[in-house]
Amino acid sequence: MAFQLIAVLEKEKILKHVRKVGDYFMEQLQKLQKKHSGIIAVRGHGLMIGMELDSADAAKQVFQQMLKLGTIVNRTDETVIRFLPPFIIKKQHIDTAVQQLDQVLAQSAKTAATAGRSK
């Protein structure tokens, strides 16, 4: 059974695809990091990627909003949003997720700024 899986992975060049789209995903998230100061770090390997935010509240809000938009993410270690998409993900799916994330982070920053002014 395991040999069949390995044969399919090799035949379909899944590892090559994972590396290619994983690199692309990391690049897109690093671009967001330059745009949004709330992103402290982006790290990962292949399609296992984590994005650390500057606060647990921001991570919680991003997690909830992404789920509402239909993009499944996980929140780990209080401040980390983890992406673990399927191996068959395509660049267009990554682009959609990154656009959603950009909107959510912008809204989160606005909310934080408004809350800071009202204190």
Protein backbone atom coordinates (compact mmCIF):
# COMPACT_ATOMS: atom_id res chain seq x y z
CA MET A 1 0.00 0.00 0.00
CA ALA A 2 2.74 2.47 0.97
CA PHE A 3 4.64 1.60 -2.20
CA GLN A 4 1.57 2.46 -4.28
CA LEU A 5 1.38 5.86 -2.62
CA ILE A 6 5.04 6.55 -3.26
CA ALA A 7 4.63 5.46 -6.89
CA VAL A 8 1.71 7.87 -7.36
CA LEU A 9 3.62 10.72 -5.69
CA GLU A 10 6.58 10.13 -7.99
CA LYS A 11 4.48 9.65 -11.13
CA GLU A 12 2.45 12.79 -10.52
CA LYS A 13 5.55 14.79 -9.50
CA ILE A 14 3.77 15.89 -6.32
CA LEU A 15 6.97 16.76 -4.43
CA LYS A 16 8.11 19.08 -7.24
CA HIS A 17 4.66 20.72 -7.22
CA VAL A 18 4.68 21.12 -3.42
CA ARG A 19 8.10 22.80 -3.52
CA LYS A 20 7.06 25.12 -6.35
CA VAL A 21 3.74 26.28 -4.89
CA GLY A 22 5.18 26.28 -1.34
CA ASP A 23 7.90 28.69 -2.45
CA TYR A 24 5.30 30.81 -4.21
CA PHE A 25 3.09 30.87 -1.09
CA MET A 26 6.05 31.91 1.09
CA GLU A 27 6.95 34.71 -1.36
CA GLN A 28 3.39 36.05 -1.33
CA LEU A 29 3.24 35.98 2.48
CA GLN A 30 6.62 37.72 2.70
CA LYS A 31 5.24 40.46 0.44
CA LEU A 32 2.33 40.82 2.87
CA GLN A 33 4.81 41.01 5.74
CA LYS A 34 6.39 44.08 4.12
CA LYS A 35 2.94 45.64 3.77
CA HIS A 36 1.54 44.79 7.24
CA SER A 37 3.62 45.63 10.31
CA GLY A 38 1.55 43.21 12.40
CA ILE A 39 3.27 40.25 10.71
CA ILE A 40 6.39 39.45 12.72
CA ALA A 41 7.62 36.40 10.80
CA VAL A 42 6.79 34.00 8.01
CA ARG A 43 8.40 30.58 8.18
CA GLY A 44 7.85 27.11 6.88
CA HIS A 45 8.85 24.31 4.60
CA GLY A 46 6.97 23.20 1.52
CA LEU A 47 3.30 23.79 2.20
CA MET A 48 3.61 23.79 6.01
CA ILE A 49 3.76 27.52 6.64
CA GLY A 50 3.35 29.63 9.75
CA MET A 51 2.78 33.38 9.96
CA GLU A 52 3.48 34.95 13.34
CA LEU A 53 1.48 38.04 14.27
CA ASP A 54 2.27 40.66 16.89
CA SER A 55 -0.55 39.70 19.27
CA ALA A 56 -2.82 36.85 20.25
CA ASP A 57 -5.85 39.10 19.69
CA ALA A 58 -4.79 39.82 16.11
CA ALA A 59 -4.18 36.12 15.44
CA LYS A 60 -7.57 35.22 16.88
CA GLN A 61 -9.31 37.83 14.73
CA VAL A 62 -7.44 36.77 11.56
CA PHE A 63 -8.24 33.12 12.27
CA GLN A 64 -11.95 33.82 12.71
CA GLN A 65 -12.24 36.11 9.70
CA MET A 66 -10.41 33.74 7.37
CA LEU A 67 -12.75 30.93 8.37
CA LYS A 68 -15.75 33.18 7.67
CA LEU A 69 -14.31 33.82 4.20
CA GLY A 70 -14.02 30.08 3.61
CA THR A 71 -10.26 29.69 3.94
CA ILE A 72 -9.30 27.10 6.51
CA VAL A 73 -6.33 28.06 8.67
CA ASN A 74 -5.21 27.03 12.12
CA ARG A 75 -4.10 29.16 15.03
CA THR A 76 -1.18 27.76 17.02
CA ASP A 77 1.00 29.10 19.80
CA GLU A 78 -1.47 31.99 20.39
CA THR A 79 0.10 34.28 17.78
CA VAL A 80 0.76 31.98 14.82
CA ILE A 81 -1.56 31.38 11.88
CA ARG A 82 -0.70 28.04 10.29
CA PHE A 83 -1.38 27.18 6.67
CA LEU A 84 -1.43 23.51 5.74
CA PRO A 85 -3.15 23.30 2.35
CA PRO A 86 -3.55 20.09 0.35
CA PHE A 87 -0.69 19.06 -1.92
CA ILE A 88 -2.83 19.67 -5.01
CA ILE A 89 -3.32 23.39 -4.29
CA LYS A 90 -2.83 25.71 -7.26
CA LYS A 91 -1.41 29.23 -7.44
CA GLN A 92 -4.89 30.66 -8.03
CA HIS A 93 -6.01 29.25 -4.65
CA ILE A 94 -2.96 30.77 -2.97
CA ASP A 95 -3.69 34.12 -4.63
CA THR A 96 -7.26 34.03 -3.31
CA ALA A 97 -6.10 33.19 0.23
CA VAL A 98 -3.45 35.92 0.17
CA GLN A 99 -5.97 38.52 -1.06
CA GLN A 100 -8.35 37.53 1.71
CA LEU A 101 -5.54 37.66 4.25
CA ASP A 102 -4.52 41.12 3.02
CA GLN A 103 -8.08 42.39 3.53
CA VAL A 104 -8.39 40.76 6.96
CA LEU A 105 -5.04 42.16 8.13
CA ALA A 106 -5.96 45.65 6.91
CA GLN A 107 -9.27 45.47 8.76
CA SER A 108 -7.54 44.11 11.87
CA ALA A 109 -5.07 47.01 11.83
CA LYS A 110 -7.95 49.51 11.50
CA THR A 111 -9.79 47.90 14.41
CA ALA A 112 -6.65 47.95 16.58
CA ALA A 113 -5.96 51.60 15.69
CA THR A 114 -9.54 52.61 16.53
CA ALA A 115 -9.42 50.72 19.82
CA GLY A 116 -6.11 52.39 20.67
CA ARG A 117 -7.52 55.86 20.06
CA SER A 118 -10.57 55.25 22.21
CA LYS A 119 -8.50 54.37 25.29
